[in-house]
Structure formats: C-alpha cells, structure tokens
PDB file of N, CA and C in Angstrom:
ATOM      1  N   MET A   1      48.355 -46.607  -0.945  1.00  0.00           N
ATOM      2  CA  MET A   1      47.913 -47.976  -1.154  1.00  0.00           C
ATOM      3  C   MET A   1      48.619 -48.549  -2.373  1.00  0.00           C
ATOM      4  N   SER A   2      49.090 -49.744  -2.261  1.00  0.00           N
ATOM      5  CA  SER A   2      49.798 -50.397  -3.343  1.00  0.00           C
ATOM      6  C   SER A   2      48.848 -51.335  -4.084  1.00  0.00           C
ATOM      7  N   PHE A   3      49.170 -51.640  -5.323  1.00  0.00           N
ATOM      8  CA  PHE A   3      48.330 -52.524  -6.123  1.00  0.00           C
ATOM      9  C   PHE A   3      48.711 -53.987  -5.968  1.00  0.00           C
ATOM     10  N   TYR A   4      49.763 -54.283  -5.183  1.00  0.00           N
ATOM     11  CA  TYR A   4      50.184 -55.669  -5.006  1.00  0.00           C
ATOM     12  C   TYR A   4      50.413 -55.987  -3.536  1.00  0.00           C
ATOM     13  N   ARG A   5      50.324 -57.297  -3.238  1.00  0.00           N
ATOM     14  CA  ARG A   5      50.561 -57.771  -1.879  1.00  0.00           C
ATOM     15  C   ARG A   5      51.052 -59.210  -1.974  1.00  0.00           C
ATOM     16  N   LEU A   6      52.167 -59.487  -1.349  1.00  0.00           N
ATOM     17  CA  LEU A   6      52.712 -60.835  -1.330  1.00  0.00           C
ATOM     18  C   LEU A   6      52.076 -61.593  -0.171  1.00  0.00           C
ATOM     19  N   THR A   7      51.441 -62.747  -0.470  1.00  0.00           N
ATOM     20  CA  THR A   7      50.779 -63.572   0.539  1.00  0.00           C
ATOM     21  C   THR A   7      51.384 -64.969   0.519  1.00  0.00           C
ATOM     22  N   ARG A   8      50.922 -65.823   1.417  1.00  0.00           N
ATOM     23  CA  ARG A   8      51.393 -67.207   1.417  1.00  0.00           C
ATOM     24  C   ARG A   8      51.068 -67.917   0.109  1.00  0.00           C
ATOM     25  N   GLY A   9      49.918 -67.600  -0.463  1.00  0.00           N
ATOM     26  CA  GLY A   9      49.486 -68.257  -1.693  1.00  0.00           C
ATOM     27  C   GLY A   9      50.160 -67.738  -2.938  1.00  0.00           C
ATOM     28  N   GLY A  10      50.711 -66.546  -2.849  1.00  0.00           N
ATOM     29  CA  GLY A  10      51.350 -65.948  -4.016  1.00  0.00           C
ATOM     30  C   GLY A  10      51.252 -64.435  -4.001  1.00  0.00           C
ATOM     31  N   LEU A  11      51.224 -63.860  -5.158  1.00  0.00           N
ATOM     32  CA  LEU A  11      51.185 -62.413  -5.313  1.00  0.00           C
ATOM     33  C   LEU A  11      49.776 -61.985  -5.686  1.00  0.00           C
ATOM     34  N   GLU A  12      49.151 -61.159  -4.844  1.00  0.00           N
ATOM     35  CA  GLU A  12      47.831 -60.622  -5.148  1.00  0.00           C
ATOM     36  C   GLU A  12      47.993 -59.273  -5.827  1.00  0.00           C
ATOM     37  N   LEU A  13      47.303 -59.093  -6.937  1.00  0.00           N
ATOM     38  CA  LEU A  13      47.329 -57.844  -7.685  1.00  0.00           C
ATOM     39  C   LEU A  13      45.930 -57.277  -7.773  1.00  0.00           C
ATOM     40  N   THR A  14      45.785 -55.993  -7.571  1.00  0.00           N
ATOM     41  CA  THR A  14      44.529 -55.300  -7.849  1.00  0.00           C
ATOM     42  C   THR A  14      44.793 -54.448  -9.069  1.00  0.00           C
ATOM     43  N   ILE A  15      44.061 -54.726 -10.137  1.00  0.00           N
ATOM     44  CA  ILE A  15      44.324 -54.051 -11.403  1.00  0.00           C
ATOM     45  C   ILE A  15      43.040 -53.495 -11.998  1.00  0.00           C
ATOM     46  N   LYS A  16      43.215 -52.561 -12.906  1.00  0.00           N
ATOM     47  CA  LYS A  16      42.107 -52.054 -13.706  1.00  0.00           C
ATOM     48  C   LYS A  16      42.340 -52.533 -15.132  1.00  0.00           C
ATOM     49  N   VAL A  17      41.300 -53.066 -15.746  1.00  0.00           N
ATOM     50  CA  VAL A  17      41.398 -53.575 -17.107  1.00  0.00           C
ATOM     51  C   VAL A  17      40.674 -52.617 -18.044  1.00  0.00           C
ATOM     52  N   ARG A  18      41.309 -52.355 -19.176  1.00  0.00           N
ATOM     53  CA  ARG A  18      40.690 -51.557 -20.241  1.00  0.00           C
ATOM     54  C   ARG A  18      40.414 -52.482 -21.423  1.00  0.00           C
ATOM     55  N   PRO A  19      39.191 -53.006 -21.526  1.00  0.00           N
ATOM     56  CA  PRO A  19      38.867 -53.878 -22.658  1.00  0.00           C
ATOM     57  C   PRO A  19      38.665 -53.065 -23.933  1.00  0.00           C
ATOM     58  N   ALA A  20      38.704 -53.751 -25.059  1.00  0.00           N
ATOM     59  CA  ALA A  20      38.464 -53.154 -26.377  1.00  0.00           C
ATOM     60  C   ALA A  20      39.432 -52.005 -26.682  1.00  0.00           C
ATOM     61  N   SER A  21      40.682 -52.156 -26.244  1.00  0.00           N
ATOM     62  CA  SER A  21      41.709 -51.143 -26.514  1.00  0.00           C
ATOM     63  C   SER A  21      42.311 -51.372 -27.898  1.00  0.00           C
ATOM     64  N   ASN A  22      42.956 -50.369 -28.425  1.00  0.00           N
ATOM     65  CA  ASN A  22      43.602 -50.493 -29.729  1.00  0.00           C
ATOM     66  C   ASN A  22      44.788 -51.446 -29.691  1.00  0.00           C
ATOM     67  N   ARG A  23      45.451 -51.530 -28.530  1.00  0.00           N
ATOM     68  CA  ARG A  23      46.581 -52.447 -28.395  1.00  0.00           C
ATOM     69  C   ARG A  23      46.701 -52.910 -26.953  1.00  0.00           C
ATOM     70  N   GLN A  24      47.380 -54.044 -26.801  1.00  0.00           N
ATOM     71  CA  GLN A  24      47.636 -54.564 -25.463  1.00  0.00           C
ATOM     72  C   GLN A  24      48.700 -53.714 -24.793  1.00  0.00           C
ATOM     73  N   GLY A  25      48.609 -53.593 -23.494  1.00  0.00           N
ATOM     74  CA  GLY A  25      49.644 -52.859 -22.785  1.00  0.00           C
ATOM     75  C   GLY A  25      49.456 -52.923 -21.291  1.00  0.00           C
ATOM     76  N   ILE A  26      50.536 -52.661 -20.586  1.00  0.00           N
ATOM     77  CA  ILE A  26      50.529 -52.646 -19.127  1.00  0.00           C
ATOM     78  C   ILE A  26      51.150 -51.337 -18.670  1.00  0.00           C
ATOM     79  N   GLU A  27      50.408 -50.608 -17.854  1.00  0.00           N
ATOM     80  CA  GLU A  27      50.909 -49.363 -17.273  1.00  0.00           C
ATOM     81  C   GLU A  27      51.024 -49.580 -15.769  1.00  0.00           C
ATOM     82  N   ILE A  28      52.164 -49.208 -15.232  1.00  0.00           N
ATOM     83  CA  ILE A  28      52.393 -49.367 -13.796  1.00  0.00           C
ATOM     84  C   ILE A  28      52.873 -48.057 -13.207  1.00  0.00           C
ATOM     85  N   SER A  29      52.251 -47.686 -12.100  1.00  0.00           N
ATOM     86  CA  SER A  29      52.754 -46.578 -11.295  1.00  0.00           C
ATOM     87  C   SER A  29      52.871 -47.116  -9.874  1.00  0.00           C
ATOM     88  N   ALA A  30      53.311 -46.303  -8.965  1.00  0.00           N
ATOM     89  CA  ALA A  30      53.468 -46.755  -7.578  1.00  0.00           C
ATOM     90  C   ALA A  30      52.128 -47.154  -6.961  1.00  0.00           C
ATOM     91  N   GLU A  31      51.059 -46.589  -7.467  1.00  0.00           N
ATOM     92  CA  GLU A  31      49.751 -46.786  -6.850  1.00  0.00           C
ATOM     93  C   GLU A  31      48.823 -47.735  -7.582  1.00  0.00           C
ATOM     94  N   ARG A  32      49.065 -47.975  -8.879  1.00  0.00           N
ATOM     95  CA  ARG A  32      48.111 -48.813  -9.604  1.00  0.00           C
ATOM     96  C   ARG A  32      48.723 -49.475 -10.830  1.00  0.00           C
ATOM     97  N   MET A  33      47.991 -50.455 -11.313  1.00  0.00           N
ATOM     98  CA  MET A  33      48.371 -51.185 -12.511  1.00  0.00           C
ATOM     99  C   MET A  33      47.155 -51.213 -13.431  1.00  0.00           C
ATOM    100  N   ILE A  34      47.363 -50.793 -14.667  1.00  0.00           N
ATOM    101  CA  ILE A  34      46.291 -50.791 -15.661  1.00  0.00           C
ATOM    102  C   ILE A  34      46.728 -51.681 -16.817  1.00  0.00           C
ATOM    103  N   VAL A  35      45.861 -52.617 -17.188  1.00  0.00           N
ATOM    104  CA  VAL A  35      46.157 -53.528 -18.281  1.00  0.00           C
ATOM    105  C   VAL A  35      45.137 -53.299 -19.388  1.00  0.00           C
ATOM    106  N   SER A  36      45.627 -52.976 -20.575  1.00  0.00           N
ATOM    107  CA  SER A  36      44.774 -52.795 -21.746  1.00  0.00           C
ATOM    108  C   SER A  36      44.785 -54.066 -22.572  1.00  0.00           C
ATOM    109  N   VAL A  37      43.592 -54.514 -22.969  1.00  0.00           N
ATOM    110  CA  VAL A  37      43.460 -55.705 -23.806  1.00  0.00           C
ATOM    111  C   VAL A  37      42.605 -55.360 -25.016  1.00  0.00           C
ATOM    112  N   LYS A  38      42.821 -56.064 -26.104  1.00  0.00           N
ATOM    113  CA  LYS A  38      42.084 -55.810 -27.341  1.00  0.00           C
ATOM    114  C   LYS A  38      40.681 -56.408 -27.327  1.00  0.00           C
ATOM    115  N   SER A  39      40.492 -57.491 -26.593  1.00  0.00           N
ATOM    116  CA  SER A  39      39.214 -58.203 -26.592  1.00  0.00           C
ATOM    117  C   SER A  39      38.103 -57.391 -25.944  1.00  0.00           C
ATOM    118  N   GLN A  40      36.889 -57.656 -26.410  1.00  0.00           N
ATOM    119  CA  GLN A  40      35.702 -57.059 -25.812  1.00  0.00           C
ATOM    120  C   GLN A  40      35.443 -57.707 -24.459  1.00  0.00           C
ATOM    121  N   ALA A  41      34.762 -56.992 -23.599  1.00  0.00           N
ATOM    122  CA  ALA A  41      34.404 -57.518 -22.277  1.00  0.00           C
ATOM    123  C   ALA A  41      33.101 -58.305 -22.390  1.00  0.00           C
ATOM    124  N   GLU A  42      33.150 -59.418 -23.117  1.00  0.00           N
ATOM    125  CA  GLU A  42      31.980 -60.274 -23.269  1.00  0.00           C
ATOM    126  C   GLU A  42      32.410 -61.732 -23.319  1.00  0.00           C
ATOM    127  N   LYS A  43      31.611 -62.573 -22.679  1.00  0.00           N
ATOM    128  CA  LYS A  43      31.845 -64.016 -22.662  1.00  0.00           C
ATOM    129  C   LYS A  43      33.241 -64.394 -22.166  1.00  0.00           C
ATOM    130  N   GLY A  44      33.810 -63.579 -21.282  1.00  0.00           N
ATOM    131  CA  GLY A  44      35.104 -63.899 -20.687  1.00  0.00           C
ATOM    132  C   GLY A  44      36.308 -63.685 -21.592  1.00  0.00           C
ATOM    133  N   LYS A  45      36.100 -63.095 -22.759  1.00  0.00           N
ATOM    134  CA  LYS A  45      37.207 -62.902 -23.712  1.00  0.00           C
ATOM    135  C   LYS A  45      38.289 -61.983 -23.164  1.00  0.00           C
ATOM    136  N   ALA A  46      37.904 -60.871 -22.556  1.00  0.00           N
ATOM    137  CA  ALA A  46      38.888 -59.933 -22.006  1.00  0.00           C
ATOM    138  C   ALA A  46      39.626 -60.565 -20.827  1.00  0.00           C
ATOM    139  N   ASN A  47      38.920 -61.325 -20.001  1.00  0.00           N
ATOM    140  CA  ASN A  47      39.568 -61.999 -18.869  1.00  0.00           C
ATOM    141  C   ASN A  47      40.598 -63.008 -19.365  1.00  0.00           C
ATOM    142  N   GLU A  48      40.263 -63.765 -20.384  1.00  0.00           N
ATOM    143  CA  GLU A  48      41.185 -64.757 -20.925  1.00  0.00           C
ATOM    144  C   GLU A  48      42.425 -64.082 -21.522  1.00  0.00           C
ATOM    145  N   GLU A  49      42.220 -62.973 -22.240  1.00  0.00           N
ATOM    146  CA  GLU A  49      43.361 -62.247 -22.798  1.00  0.00           C
ATOM    147  C   GLU A  49      44.233 -61.661 -21.690  1.00  0.00           C
ATOM    148  N   LEU A  50      43.610 -61.188 -20.625  1.00  0.00           N
ATOM    149  CA  LEU A  50      44.340 -60.662 -19.468  1.00  0.00           C
ATOM    150  C   LEU A  50      45.244 -61.737 -18.873  1.00  0.00           C
ATOM    151  N   ILE A  51      44.699 -62.921 -18.644  1.00  0.00           N
ATOM    152  CA  ILE A  51      45.476 -64.026 -18.074  1.00  0.00           C
ATOM    153  C   ILE A  51      46.614 -64.416 -19.005  1.00  0.00           C
ATOM    154  N   LYS A  52      46.335 -64.489 -20.282  1.00  0.00           N
ATOM    155  CA  LYS A  52      47.362 -64.849 -21.265  1.00  0.00           C
ATOM    156  C   LYS A  52      48.483 -63.807 -21.290  1.00  0.00           C
ATOM    157  N   LEU A  53      48.114 -62.530 -21.299  1.00  0.00           N
ATOM    158  CA  LEU A  53      49.100 -61.446 -21.342  1.00  0.00           C
ATOM    159  C   LEU A  53      50.014 -61.484 -20.115  1.00  0.00           C
ATOM    160  N   LEU A  54      49.427 -61.582 -18.932  1.00  0.00           N
ATOM    161  CA  LEU A  54      50.239 -61.597 -17.706  1.00  0.00           C
ATOM    162  C   LEU A  54      51.112 -62.836 -17.612  1.00  0.00           C
ATOM    163  N   SER A  55      50.580 -63.987 -17.983  1.00  0.00           N
ATOM    164  CA  SER A  55      51.391 -65.209 -17.911  1.00  0.00           C
ATOM    165  C   SER A  55      52.552 -65.145 -18.896  1.00  0.00           C
ATOM    166  N   ASN A  56      52.314 -64.583 -20.081  1.00  0.00           N
ATOM    167  CA  ASN A  56      53.410 -64.427 -21.046  1.00  0.00           C
ATOM    168  C   ASN A  56      54.467 -63.452 -20.550  1.00  0.00           C
ATOM    169  N   LYS A  57      54.046 -62.339 -20.000  1.00  0.00           N
ATOM    170  CA  LYS A  57      54.992 -61.326 -19.513  1.00  0.00           C
ATOM    171  C   LYS A  57      55.817 -61.819 -18.328  1.00  0.00           C
ATOM    172  N   LEU A  58      55.206 -62.652 -17.492  1.00  0.00           N
ATOM    173  CA  LEU A  58      55.910 -63.167 -16.321  1.00  0.00           C
ATOM    174  C   LEU A  58      56.578 -64.516 -16.582  1.00  0.00           C
ATOM    175  N   HIS A  59      56.376 -65.057 -17.774  1.00  0.00           N
ATOM    176  CA  HIS A  59      56.972 -66.345 -18.165  1.00  0.00           C
ATOM    177  C   HIS A  59      56.554 -67.465 -17.213  1.00  0.00           C
ATOM    178  N   ILE A  60      55.240 -67.534 -16.969  1.00  0.00           N
ATOM    179  CA  ILE A  60      54.684 -68.573 -16.108  1.00  0.00           C
ATOM    180  C   ILE A  60      53.502 -69.215 -16.834  1.00  0.00           C
ATOM    181  N   PRO A  61      53.115 -70.436 -16.447  1.00  0.00           N
ATOM    182  CA  PRO A  61      51.941 -71.071 -17.060  1.00  0.00           C
ATOM    183  C   PRO A  61      50.660 -70.292 -16.737  1.00  0.00           C
ATOM    184  N   ARG A  62      49.714 -70.339 -17.645  1.00  0.00           N
ATOM    185  CA  ARG A  62      48.438 -69.629 -17.444  1.00  0.00           C
ATOM    186  C   ARG A  62      47.697 -70.067 -16.195  1.00  0.00           C
ATOM    187  N   ASP A  63      47.824 -71.330 -15.839  1.00  0.00           N
ATOM    188  CA  ASP A  63      47.073 -71.814 -14.675  1.00  0.00           C
ATOM    189  C   ASP A  63      47.587 -71.263 -13.354  1.00  0.00           C
ATOM    190  N   ARG A  64      48.683 -70.511 -13.376  1.00  0.00           N
ATOM    191  CA  ARG A  64      49.189 -69.856 -12.158  1.00  0.00           C
ATOM    192  C   ARG A  64      48.625 -68.454 -11.986  1.00  0.00           C
ATOM    193  N   VAL A  65      47.822 -67.989 -12.950  1.00  0.00           N
ATOM    194  CA  VAL A  65      47.180 -66.673 -12.860  1.00  0.00           C
ATOM    195  C   VAL A  65      45.682 -66.906 -12.676  1.00  0.00           C
ATOM    196  N   ARG A  66      45.151 -66.459 -11.547  1.00  0.00           N
ATOM    197  CA  ARG A  66      43.738 -66.669 -11.241  1.00  0.00           C
ATOM    198  C   ARG A  66      43.058 -65.336 -10.945  1.00  0.00           C
ATOM    199  N   ILE A  67      41.833 -65.201 -11.399  1.00  0.00           N
ATOM    200  CA  ILE A  67      41.015 -64.044 -11.041  1.00  0.00           C
ATOM    201  C   ILE A  67      40.270 -64.397  -9.769  1.00  0.00           C
ATOM    202  N   LEU A  68      40.555 -63.660  -8.690  1.00  0.00           N
ATOM    203  CA  LEU A  68      39.906 -63.912  -7.402  1.00  0.00           C
ATOM    204  C   LEU A  68      38.556 -63.214  -7.306  1.00  0.00           C
ATOM    205  N   SER A  69      38.494 -61.987  -7.820  1.00  0.00           N
ATOM    206  CA  SER A  69      37.241 -61.235  -7.798  1.00  0.00           C
ATOM    207  C   SER A  69      37.237 -60.244  -8.955  1.00  0.00           C
ATOM    208  N   GLY A  70      36.038 -59.822  -9.307  1.00  0.00           N
ATOM    209  CA  GLY A  70      35.893 -58.853 -10.383  1.00  0.00           C
ATOM    210  C   GLY A  70      35.749 -59.479 -11.761  1.00  0.00           C
ATOM    211  N   HIS A  71      35.225 -60.698 -11.822  1.00  0.00           N
ATOM    212  CA  HIS A  71      35.065 -61.368 -13.116  1.00  0.00           C
ATOM    213  C   HIS A  71      34.245 -60.541 -14.106  1.00  0.00           C
ATOM    214  N   PHE A  72      33.302 -59.752 -13.598  1.00  0.00           N
ATOM    215  CA  PHE A  72      32.433 -58.950 -14.463  1.00  0.00           C
ATOM    216  C   PHE A  72      32.648 -57.458 -14.252  1.00  0.00           C
ATOM    217  N   SER A  73      33.812 -57.104 -13.733  1.00  0.00           N
ATOM    218  CA  SER A  73      34.138 -55.710 -13.431  1.00  0.00           C
ATOM    219  C   SER A  73      35.462 -55.344 -14.084  1.00  0.00           C
ATOM    220  N   ARG A  74      35.691 -54.062 -14.265  1.00  0.00           N
ATOM    221  CA  ARG A  74      36.980 -53.616 -14.804  1.00  0.00           C
ATOM    222  C   ARG A  74      38.074 -53.649 -13.746  1.00  0.00           C
ATOM    223  N   VAL A  75      37.700 -53.557 -12.484  1.00  0.00           N
ATOM    224  CA  VAL A  75      38.661 -53.646 -11.390  1.00  0.00           C
ATOM    225  C   VAL A  75      38.653 -55.089 -10.903  1.00  0.00           C
ATOM    226  N   LYS A  76      39.820 -55.724 -10.939  1.00  0.00           N
ATOM    227  CA  LYS A  76      39.928 -57.140 -10.618  1.00  0.00           C
ATOM    228  C   LYS A  76      41.009 -57.377  -9.579  1.00  0.00           C
ATOM    229  N   LYS A  77      40.814 -58.438  -8.814  1.00  0.00           N
ATOM    230  CA  LYS A  77      41.857 -58.899  -7.902  1.00  0.00           C
ATOM    231  C   LYS A  77      42.345 -60.232  -8.462  1.00  0.00           C
ATOM    232  N   LEU A  78      43.649 -60.318  -8.712  1.00  0.00           N
ATOM    233  CA  LEU A  78      44.259 -61.512  -9.277  1.00  0.00           C
ATOM    234  C   LEU A  78      45.208 -62.138  -8.268  1.00  0.00           C
ATOM    235  N   LEU A  79      45.460 -63.425  -8.453  1.00  0.00           N
ATOM    236  CA  LEU A  79      46.464 -64.129  -7.671  1.00  0.00           C
ATOM    237  C   LEU A  79      47.431 -64.791  -8.630  1.00  0.00           C
ATOM    238  N   ILE A  80      48.716 -64.498  -8.456  1.00  0.00           N
ATOM    239  CA  ILE A  80      49.780 -65.178  -9.178  1.00  0.00           C
ATOM    240  C   ILE A  80      50.272 -66.259  -8.209  1.00  0.00           C
ATOM    241  N   ILE A  81      49.902 -67.495  -8.461  1.00  0.00           N
ATOM    242  CA  ILE A  81      50.175 -68.595  -7.528  1.00  0.00           C
ATOM    243  C   ILE A  81      51.671 -68.895  -7.462  1.00  0.00           C
ATOM    244  N   GLY A  82      52.144 -69.019  -6.216  1.00  0.00           N
ATOM    245  CA  GLY A  82      53.536 -69.410  -5.999  1.00  0.00           C
ATOM    246  C   GLY A  82      54.549 -68.317  -6.268  1.00  0.00           C
ATOM    247  N   ALA A  83      54.099 -67.078  -6.349  1.00  0.00           N
ATOM    248  CA  ALA A  83      55.032 -65.976  -6.601  1.00  0.00           C
ATOM    249  C   ALA A  83      55.939 -65.766  -5.396  1.00  0.00           C
ATOM    250  N   GLU A  84      57.138 -65.309  -5.667  1.00  0.00           N
ATOM    251  CA  GLU A  84      58.122 -65.043  -4.619  1.00  0.00           C
ATOM    252  C   GLU A  84      58.549 -63.585  -4.685  1.00  0.00           C
ATOM    253  N   ASP A  85      59.412 -63.192  -3.739  1.00  0.00           N
ATOM    254  CA  ASP A  85      59.921 -61.818  -3.715  1.00  0.00           C
ATOM    255  C   ASP A  85      60.533 -61.428  -5.050  1.00  0.00           C
ATOM    256  N   LYS A  86      61.195 -62.384  -5.681  1.00  0.00           N
ATOM    257  CA  LYS A  86      61.840 -62.123  -6.971  1.00  0.00           C
ATOM    258  C   LYS A  86      60.827 -61.641  -8.020  1.00  0.00           C
ATOM    259  N   MET A  87      59.613 -62.211  -7.984  1.00  0.00           N
ATOM    260  CA  MET A  87      58.594 -61.809  -8.948  1.00  0.00           C
ATOM    261  C   MET A  87      58.105 -60.390  -8.675  1.00  0.00           C
ATOM    262  N   VAL A  88      58.037 -60.008  -7.392  1.00  0.00           N
ATOM    263  CA  VAL A  88      57.643 -58.641  -7.050  1.00  0.00           C
ATOM    264  C   VAL A  88      58.685 -57.671  -7.602  1.00  0.00           C
ATOM    265  N   GLU A  89      59.952 -57.992  -7.410  1.00  0.00           N
ATOM    266  CA  GLU A  89      61.026 -57.146  -7.938  1.00  0.00           C
ATOM    267  C   GLU A  89      60.934 -57.047  -9.460  1.00  0.00           C
ATOM    268  N   GLU A  90      60.666 -58.166 -10.100  1.00  0.00           N
ATOM    269  CA  GLU A  90      60.543 -58.187 -11.563  1.00  0.00           C
ATOM    270  C   GLU A  90      59.352 -57.354 -12.014  1.00  0.00           C
ATOM    271  N   LEU A  91      58.272 -57.444 -11.267  1.00  0.00           N
ATOM    272  CA  LEU A  91      57.068 -56.690 -11.585  1.00  0.00           C
ATOM    273  C   LEU A  91      57.323 -55.196 -11.523  1.00  0.00           C
ATOM    274  N   LEU A  92      58.086 -54.759 -10.534  1.00  0.00           N
ATOM    275  CA  LEU A  92      58.311 -53.335 -10.332  1.00  0.00           C
ATOM    276  C   LEU A  92      59.505 -52.795 -11.117  1.00  0.00           C
ATOM    277  N   SER A  93      60.331 -53.675 -11.640  1.00  0.00           N
ATOM    278  CA  SER A  93      61.486 -53.228 -12.414  1.00  0.00           C
ATOM    279  C   SER A  93      61.090 -52.994 -13.873  1.00  0.00           C
ATOM    280  N   HIS A  94      62.052 -52.685 -14.685  1.00  0.00           N
ATOM    281  CA  HIS A  94      61.784 -52.417 -16.097  1.00  0.00           C
ATOM    282  C   HIS A  94      61.468 -53.675 -16.884  1.00  0.00           C
ATOM    283  N   SER A  95      61.769 -54.849 -16.349  1.00  0.00           N
ATOM    284  CA  SER A  95      61.531 -56.072 -17.095  1.00  0.00           C
ATOM    285  C   SER A  95      60.787 -57.069 -16.236  1.00  0.00           C
ATOM    286  N   PRO A  96      59.703 -57.685 -16.734  1.00  0.00           N
ATOM    287  CA  PRO A  96      59.144 -57.598 -18.068  1.00  0.00           C
ATOM    288  C   PRO A  96      58.185 -56.436 -18.231  1.00  0.00           C
ATOM    289  N   PHE A  97      57.912 -55.680 -17.164  1.00  0.00           N
ATOM    290  CA  PHE A  97      57.018 -54.539 -17.250  1.00  0.00           C
ATOM    291  C   PHE A  97      57.814 -53.246 -17.290  1.00  0.00           C
ATOM    292  N   SER A  98      57.268 -52.236 -17.900  1.00  0.00           N
ATOM    293  CA  SER A  98      57.890 -50.913 -17.898  1.00  0.00           C
ATOM    294  C   SER A  98      57.011 -49.970 -17.124  1.00  0.00           C
ATOM    295  N   GLN A  99      57.543 -49.315 -16.141  1.00  0.00           N
ATOM    296  CA  GLN A  99      56.741 -48.383 -15.363  1.00  0.00           C
ATOM    297  C   GLN A  99      56.353 -47.202 -16.238  1.00  0.00           C
ATOM    298  N   ASN A 100      55.065 -46.867 -16.125  1.00  0.00           N
ATOM    299  CA  ASN A 100      54.475 -45.736 -16.835  1.00  0.00           C
ATOM    300  C   ASN A 100      54.619 -45.843 -18.358  1.00  0.00           C
ATOM    301  N   ARG A 101      54.820 -47.018 -18.888  1.00  0.00           N
ATOM    302  CA  ARG A 101      54.874 -47.216 -20.333  1.00  0.00           C
ATOM    303  C   ARG A 101      54.044 -48.416 -20.700  1.00  0.00           C
ATOM    304  N   LYS A 102      53.572 -48.408 -21.926  1.00  0.00           N
ATOM    305  CA  LYS A 102      52.840 -49.565 -22.422  1.00  0.00           C
ATOM    306  C   LYS A 102      53.803 -50.489 -23.117  1.00  0.00           C
ATOM    307  N   THR A 103      53.514 -51.789 -23.008  1.00  0.00           N
ATOM    308  CA  THR A 103      54.296 -52.777 -23.727  1.00  0.00           C
ATOM    309  C   THR A 103      53.441 -53.341 -24.843  1.00  0.00           C
ATOM    310  N   LYS A 104      54.091 -53.818 -25.872  1.00  0.00           N
ATOM    311  CA  LYS A 104      53.323 -54.386 -26.991  1.00  0.00           C
ATOM    312  C   LYS A 104      53.041 -55.833 -26.750  1.00  0.00           C
TER     313      LYS A 104
END
C-alpha cells in the first residue's frame, strides 16, 4: 500500500504526524510518510504547522494543502490541490523531500 494517490482533484497523502517533536522533519519510505512537527496537538496548532511545512517544502500556497480527514488524529488524509505527476516525482525524489531522512 502506498501513502499517496494521484486523483482528479490533486494528490492525496495518508500521513502520520508526530506532534511535540524536538524538530520538524519528514520521513518517507515506500510505504509511509511521517511528518514531525514541534507544535502540540491542541487547538489545531500541529495541523497548522503541518500545512505550513508541506506547503513550504513543495513551494505551493498554504490554501492548496487541505486536511480531508483525521483533524483530531495522528493519521491524516491530506489533499494537495492541483498536483500533477511532476509533484509526485518531486515527492518521491531527493528534493524537496529526502527518503528515510529528516529535513530541517
């Protein structure tokens, strides 16, 4: 099972979030994506940091990153609106994400 799926609306990601981490980071393997954020999982702070981190890494506006499900869960389904094949390639390549490594 893959953590991403390209749809008509964009790129759907299923990710696990680690709130209250010592540093921000993204870990990617063939099967999953884990995003560490510094914010606590309260009052939407971790969700907002997650959206900001992904939009910065993908060089897209924040309003193109939406949480579809899992607003109150560590496992979330996201939609990157208007994503194309090129974004999938970028996601799986070394830039802007590093497979099996954390980014600062």
